[in-house]
Amino acid sequence: MSTPTLLPLDETEVCRAPLTRQPLDAEQAVDLARLLKALADPARLRLLSIVAASEGQQACVCDLTEPVGLSQPTISHHLKVLMEAGFLSRSKRGTWAYYALVPGALDSVATVLVTA
């Protein structure tokens, strides 16, 4: 799955977010909706927040189950959705999976939505 193609900014439009500067085309709307859908779940927002706030912006899956209060398979499903949307990456260390915040992933959503 690709990351959304954001509308280009020029110096005169820096103060206005792409969403309010001009209409999104169909592909941009689909991409943005996919990202927002991935974030529109309380458990996924909590997981993303926990990973982002962890040392080095990464966390072991073993440390994510208890704080969210969901079963390991449910946590894995939510982490998979966040990975597919491009917010998290995964690396294997022995038998454990570690998830890390993808640099700039949240910025792409914020850039589209925030207006000055």
N, C-alpha and C. Protein backbone atom coordinates (compact mmCIF):
# COMPACT_ATOMS: atom_id res chain seq x y z
N MET A 1 0.84 -1.17 0.00
CA MET A 1 0.00 0.00 0.00
C MET A 1 0.88 1.23 0.00
N SER A 2 0.52 2.18 -0.83
CA SER A 2 1.35 3.38 -0.95
C SER A 2 0.97 4.42 0.08
N THR A 3 1.93 5.29 0.34
CA THR A 3 1.62 6.42 1.21
C THR A 3 0.91 7.46 0.36
N PRO A 4 0.08 8.31 0.96
CA PRO A 4 -0.69 9.24 0.17
C PRO A 4 0.20 10.25 -0.52
N THR A 5 -0.23 10.66 -1.70
CA THR A 5 0.46 11.70 -2.42
C THR A 5 -0.12 13.02 -1.94
N LEU A 6 0.71 13.80 -1.27
CA LEU A 6 0.25 15.07 -0.75
C LEU A 6 0.35 16.13 -1.82
N LEU A 7 -0.52 17.09 -1.77
CA LEU A 7 -0.50 18.17 -2.73
C LEU A 7 0.75 19.00 -2.55
N PRO A 8 1.38 19.47 -3.65
CA PRO A 8 2.60 20.25 -3.52
C PRO A 8 2.33 21.62 -2.90
N LEU A 9 3.31 22.10 -2.14
CA LEU A 9 3.20 23.41 -1.50
C LEU A 9 4.11 24.39 -2.22
N ASP A 10 3.64 25.60 -2.44
CA ASP A 10 4.55 26.64 -2.88
C ASP A 10 4.57 27.70 -1.78
N GLU A 11 5.46 28.65 -1.88
CA GLU A 11 5.67 29.61 -0.79
C GLU A 11 4.43 30.43 -0.46
N THR A 12 3.56 30.69 -1.40
CA THR A 12 2.38 31.50 -1.13
C THR A 12 1.27 30.71 -0.46
N GLU A 13 1.39 29.38 -0.45
CA GLU A 13 0.33 28.54 0.11
C GLU A 13 0.72 27.84 1.40
N VAL A 14 1.88 28.15 1.94
CA VAL A 14 2.37 27.45 3.12
C VAL A 14 1.40 27.57 4.30
N CYS A 15 0.68 28.66 4.42
CA CYS A 15 -0.21 28.88 5.55
C CYS A 15 -1.51 28.09 5.47
N ARG A 16 -1.82 27.52 4.34
CA ARG A 16 -3.06 26.78 4.20
C ARG A 16 -2.79 25.31 3.96
N ALA A 17 -3.48 24.46 4.69
CA ALA A 17 -3.31 23.02 4.53
C ALA A 17 -3.84 22.59 3.17
N PRO A 18 -3.26 21.52 2.58
CA PRO A 18 -3.71 21.05 1.27
C PRO A 18 -5.21 20.76 1.20
N LEU A 19 -5.79 20.30 2.29
CA LEU A 19 -7.21 19.97 2.29
C LEU A 19 -8.09 21.20 2.08
N THR A 20 -7.62 22.37 2.53
CA THR A 20 -8.42 23.59 2.39
C THR A 20 -7.95 24.46 1.23
N ARG A 21 -6.85 24.11 0.62
CA ARG A 21 -6.30 24.90 -0.48
C ARG A 21 -6.99 24.56 -1.79
N GLN A 22 -7.22 23.29 -2.03
CA GLN A 22 -7.91 22.85 -3.24
C GLN A 22 -8.50 21.47 -2.98
N PRO A 23 -9.50 21.09 -3.75
CA PRO A 23 -10.13 19.78 -3.53
C PRO A 23 -9.13 18.64 -3.76
N LEU A 24 -9.26 17.60 -2.96
CA LEU A 24 -8.47 16.39 -3.17
C LEU A 24 -8.96 15.68 -4.42
N ASP A 25 -8.05 15.06 -5.16
CA ASP A 25 -8.53 14.23 -6.26
C ASP A 25 -8.94 12.88 -5.67
N ALA A 26 -9.50 12.02 -6.48
CA ALA A 26 -10.05 10.75 -5.99
C ALA A 26 -8.98 9.89 -5.31
N GLU A 27 -7.80 9.79 -5.91
CA GLU A 27 -6.74 8.96 -5.33
C GLU A 27 -6.26 9.53 -3.99
N GLN A 28 -6.10 10.84 -3.91
CA GLN A 28 -5.69 11.47 -2.66
C GLN A 28 -6.73 11.24 -1.57
N ALA A 29 -8.00 11.33 -1.92
CA ALA A 29 -9.07 11.11 -0.93
C ALA A 29 -9.05 9.67 -0.42
N VAL A 30 -8.84 8.70 -1.30
CA VAL A 30 -8.77 7.30 -0.90
C VAL A 30 -7.58 7.08 0.02
N ASP A 31 -6.41 7.62 -0.35
CA ASP A 31 -5.21 7.46 0.47
C ASP A 31 -5.38 8.09 1.85
N LEU A 32 -5.92 9.31 1.88
CA LEU A 32 -6.10 9.99 3.16
C LEU A 32 -7.14 9.27 4.02
N ALA A 33 -8.21 8.80 3.41
CA ALA A 33 -9.23 8.06 4.16
C ALA A 33 -8.65 6.79 4.77
N ARG A 34 -7.77 6.11 4.05
CA ARG A 34 -7.14 4.89 4.57
C ARG A 34 -6.29 5.22 5.79
N LEU A 35 -5.54 6.32 5.73
CA LEU A 35 -4.73 6.73 6.88
C LEU A 35 -5.59 7.11 8.07
N LEU A 36 -6.63 7.90 7.82
CA LEU A 36 -7.50 8.32 8.91
C LEU A 36 -8.26 7.15 9.51
N LYS A 37 -8.65 6.20 8.66
CA LYS A 37 -9.34 5.00 9.17
C LYS A 37 -8.43 4.21 10.09
N ALA A 38 -7.15 4.12 9.74
CA ALA A 38 -6.20 3.41 10.60
C ALA A 38 -6.06 4.10 11.95
N LEU A 39 -6.16 5.40 11.97
CA LEU A 39 -6.03 6.16 13.22
C LEU A 39 -7.34 6.29 14.00
N ALA A 40 -8.46 5.97 13.37
CA ALA A 40 -9.77 6.23 13.96
C ALA A 40 -10.24 5.11 14.88
N ASP A 41 -9.33 4.49 15.58
CA ASP A 41 -9.67 3.44 16.53
C ASP A 41 -8.95 3.75 17.83
N PRO A 42 -9.66 3.78 18.95
CA PRO A 42 -9.02 4.13 20.23
C PRO A 42 -7.83 3.24 20.58
N ALA A 43 -7.94 1.94 20.32
CA ALA A 43 -6.83 1.03 20.65
C ALA A 43 -5.61 1.35 19.78
N ARG A 44 -5.83 1.61 18.49
CA ARG A 44 -4.70 1.92 17.61
C ARG A 44 -4.07 3.25 17.98
N LEU A 45 -4.87 4.23 18.36
CA LEU A 45 -4.30 5.50 18.80
C LEU A 45 -3.45 5.31 20.05
N ARG A 46 -3.94 4.49 20.97
CA ARG A 46 -3.17 4.22 22.19
C ARG A 46 -1.87 3.50 21.87
N LEU A 47 -1.94 2.49 21.01
CA LEU A 47 -0.74 1.76 20.63
C LEU A 47 0.28 2.67 19.97
N LEU A 48 -0.17 3.49 19.05
CA LEU A 48 0.71 4.43 18.37
C LEU A 48 1.34 5.39 19.37
N SER A 49 0.54 5.86 20.31
CA SER A 49 1.01 6.77 21.34
C SER A 49 2.06 6.11 22.24
N ILE A 50 1.81 4.86 22.62
CA ILE A 50 2.75 4.14 23.48
C ILE A 50 4.08 3.94 22.75
N VAL A 51 4.01 3.52 21.50
CA VAL A 51 5.24 3.32 20.73
C VAL A 51 5.98 4.66 20.56
N ALA A 52 5.26 5.70 20.19
CA ALA A 52 5.88 7.01 19.96
C ALA A 52 6.52 7.57 21.23
N ALA A 53 5.92 7.29 22.38
CA ALA A 53 6.43 7.82 23.65
C ALA A 53 7.51 6.94 24.28
N SER A 54 7.72 5.77 23.70
CA SER A 54 8.73 4.85 24.24
C SER A 54 10.13 5.31 23.84
N GLU A 55 11.11 4.84 24.59
CA GLU A 55 12.50 5.19 24.31
C GLU A 55 12.85 4.78 22.88
N GLY A 56 13.39 5.72 22.13
CA GLY A 56 13.74 5.46 20.75
C GLY A 56 12.54 5.32 19.83
N GLN A 57 11.37 5.69 20.31
CA GLN A 57 10.11 5.57 19.57
C GLN A 57 9.92 4.16 19.02
N GLN A 58 10.23 3.16 19.89
CA GLN A 58 10.01 1.77 19.54
C GLN A 58 9.64 0.98 20.79
N ALA A 59 8.88 -0.09 20.60
CA ALA A 59 8.43 -0.89 21.73
C ALA A 59 8.27 -2.34 21.31
N CYS A 60 8.51 -3.23 22.26
CA CYS A 60 8.31 -4.66 22.05
C CYS A 60 6.81 -4.96 22.15
N VAL A 61 6.36 -5.85 21.31
CA VAL A 61 4.95 -6.24 21.36
C VAL A 61 4.59 -6.76 22.74
N CYS A 62 5.55 -7.35 23.42
CA CYS A 62 5.29 -7.88 24.78
C CYS A 62 4.94 -6.77 25.76
N ASP A 63 5.34 -5.53 25.47
CA ASP A 63 5.06 -4.40 26.34
C ASP A 63 3.78 -3.64 25.96
N LEU A 64 3.10 -4.09 24.93
CA LEU A 64 1.93 -3.36 24.44
C LEU A 64 0.60 -3.98 24.86
N THR A 65 0.59 -5.24 25.21
CA THR A 65 -0.66 -5.94 25.53
C THR A 65 -1.28 -5.42 26.82
N GLU A 66 -0.52 -5.38 27.88
CA GLU A 66 -1.07 -4.99 29.19
C GLU A 66 -1.61 -3.56 29.24
N PRO A 67 -0.87 -2.56 28.76
CA PRO A 67 -1.38 -1.19 28.87
C PRO A 67 -2.71 -0.96 28.14
N VAL A 68 -2.92 -1.67 27.05
CA VAL A 68 -4.14 -1.47 26.26
C VAL A 68 -5.27 -2.38 26.74
N GLY A 69 -4.91 -3.48 27.41
CA GLY A 69 -5.92 -4.36 27.98
C GLY A 69 -6.63 -5.23 26.96
N LEU A 70 -5.95 -5.55 25.87
CA LEU A 70 -6.53 -6.42 24.85
C LEU A 70 -5.66 -7.66 24.70
N SER A 71 -6.23 -8.69 24.09
CA SER A 71 -5.48 -9.92 23.90
C SER A 71 -4.36 -9.72 22.88
N GLN A 72 -3.38 -10.60 22.93
CA GLN A 72 -2.24 -10.50 22.02
C GLN A 72 -2.67 -10.58 20.55
N PRO A 73 -3.59 -11.48 20.16
CA PRO A 73 -4.01 -11.50 18.76
C PRO A 73 -4.68 -10.18 18.32
N THR A 74 -5.44 -9.57 19.21
CA THR A 74 -6.09 -8.29 18.88
C THR A 74 -5.06 -7.19 18.74
N ILE A 75 -4.07 -7.17 19.64
CA ILE A 75 -2.98 -6.19 19.55
C ILE A 75 -2.25 -6.37 18.22
N SER A 76 -1.96 -7.62 17.87
CA SER A 76 -1.26 -7.90 16.61
C SER A 76 -2.05 -7.40 15.41
N HIS A 77 -3.35 -7.58 15.44
CA HIS A 77 -4.20 -7.08 14.35
C HIS A 77 -4.08 -5.55 14.23
N HIS A 78 -4.20 -4.85 15.36
CA HIS A 78 -4.12 -3.40 15.33
C HIS A 78 -2.75 -2.92 14.87
N LEU A 79 -1.69 -3.60 15.31
CA LEU A 79 -0.34 -3.23 14.88
C LEU A 79 -0.17 -3.45 13.37
N LYS A 80 -0.77 -4.51 12.86
CA LYS A 80 -0.71 -4.79 11.42
C LYS A 80 -1.39 -3.67 10.63
N VAL A 81 -2.54 -3.21 11.10
CA VAL A 81 -3.24 -2.11 10.43
C VAL A 81 -2.37 -0.85 10.43
N LEU A 82 -1.74 -0.55 11.56
CA LEU A 82 -0.87 0.62 11.64
C LEU A 82 0.35 0.48 10.75
N MET A 83 0.87 -0.73 10.62
CA MET A 83 2.00 -0.97 9.72
C MET A 83 1.58 -0.80 8.26
N GLU A 84 0.46 -1.37 7.90
CA GLU A 84 -0.02 -1.27 6.52
C GLU A 84 -0.31 0.17 6.12
N ALA A 85 -0.70 0.98 7.08
CA ALA A 85 -0.96 2.39 6.81
C ALA A 85 0.34 3.21 6.78
N GLY A 86 1.44 2.60 7.18
CA GLY A 86 2.72 3.28 7.12
C GLY A 86 3.12 4.05 8.36
N PHE A 87 2.40 3.83 9.47
CA PHE A 87 2.72 4.54 10.71
C PHE A 87 3.79 3.83 11.52
N LEU A 88 3.85 2.50 11.44
CA LEU A 88 4.81 1.72 12.21
C LEU A 88 5.60 0.81 11.29
N SER A 89 6.82 0.48 11.73
CA SER A 89 7.61 -0.56 11.08
C SER A 89 7.85 -1.65 12.12
N ARG A 90 8.24 -2.83 11.65
CA ARG A 90 8.41 -3.97 12.54
C ARG A 90 9.76 -4.61 12.29
N SER A 91 10.40 -4.98 13.39
CA SER A 91 11.65 -5.73 13.28
C SER A 91 11.59 -6.89 14.27
N LYS A 92 12.24 -7.97 13.94
CA LYS A 92 12.25 -9.17 14.78
C LYS A 92 13.58 -9.22 15.52
N ARG A 93 13.51 -9.46 16.83
CA ARG A 93 14.69 -9.64 17.66
C ARG A 93 14.47 -10.91 18.47
N GLY A 94 15.11 -11.96 18.03
CA GLY A 94 14.87 -13.26 18.66
C GLY A 94 13.44 -13.68 18.40
N THR A 95 12.70 -13.97 19.47
CA THR A 95 11.31 -14.38 19.32
C THR A 95 10.34 -13.20 19.42
N TRP A 96 10.84 -12.00 19.71
CA TRP A 96 9.98 -10.84 19.93
C TRP A 96 9.96 -9.92 18.72
N ALA A 97 8.82 -9.32 18.50
CA ALA A 97 8.67 -8.30 17.45
C ALA A 97 8.71 -6.93 18.11
N TYR A 98 9.45 -6.03 17.50
CA TYR A 98 9.53 -4.65 17.97
C TYR A 98 8.92 -3.75 16.91
N TYR A 99 8.15 -2.78 17.38
CA TYR A 99 7.49 -1.84 16.48
C TYR A 99 8.07 -0.45 16.71
N ALA A 100 8.30 0.26 15.61
CA ALA A 100 8.88 1.59 15.69
C ALA A 100 8.03 2.56 14.88
N LEU A 101 7.95 3.78 15.37
CA LEU A 101 7.25 4.83 14.65
C LEU A 101 8.04 5.17 13.39
N VAL A 102 7.39 5.20 12.25
CA VAL A 102 8.05 5.58 11.00
C VAL A 102 8.25 7.09 11.02
N PRO A 103 9.49 7.54 10.88
CA PRO A 103 9.75 8.98 10.91
C PRO A 103 8.90 9.73 9.86
N GLY A 104 8.23 10.77 10.31
CA GLY A 104 7.43 11.61 9.41
C GLY A 104 6.06 11.08 9.08
N ALA A 105 5.71 9.87 9.53
CA ALA A 105 4.41 9.29 9.17
C ALA A 105 3.25 10.12 9.68
N LEU A 106 3.33 10.60 10.89
CA LEU A 106 2.25 11.43 11.44
C LEU A 106 2.25 12.82 10.82
N ASP A 107 3.42 13.29 10.43
CA ASP A 107 3.51 14.61 9.79
C ASP A 107 2.71 14.68 8.50
N SER A 108 2.68 13.55 7.74
CA SER A 108 1.96 13.57 6.48
C SER A 108 0.47 13.80 6.68
N VAL A 109 -0.09 13.24 7.75
CA VAL A 109 -1.52 13.44 8.05
C VAL A 109 -1.73 14.87 8.56
N ALA A 110 -0.87 15.29 9.46
CA ALA A 110 -1.00 16.64 10.05
C ALA A 110 -0.89 17.71 8.98
N THR A 111 0.00 17.55 8.02
CA THR A 111 0.18 18.53 6.98
C THR A 111 -1.09 18.74 6.17
N VAL A 112 -1.79 17.66 5.92
CA VAL A 112 -3.02 17.74 5.12
C VAL A 112 -4.14 18.43 5.91
N LEU A 113 -4.19 18.22 7.22
CA LEU A 113 -5.33 18.66 8.01
C LEU A 113 -5.16 20.03 8.67
N VAL A 114 -3.95 20.40 9.04
CA VAL A 114 -3.74 21.61 9.82
C VAL A 114 -3.73 22.85 8.95
N THR A 115 -4.50 23.86 9.40
CA THR A 115 -4.47 25.14 8.72
C THR A 115 -3.93 26.19 9.70
N ALA A 116 -3.24 27.15 9.16
CA ALA A 116 -2.67 28.19 10.02
C ALA A 116 -3.65 29.34 10.16
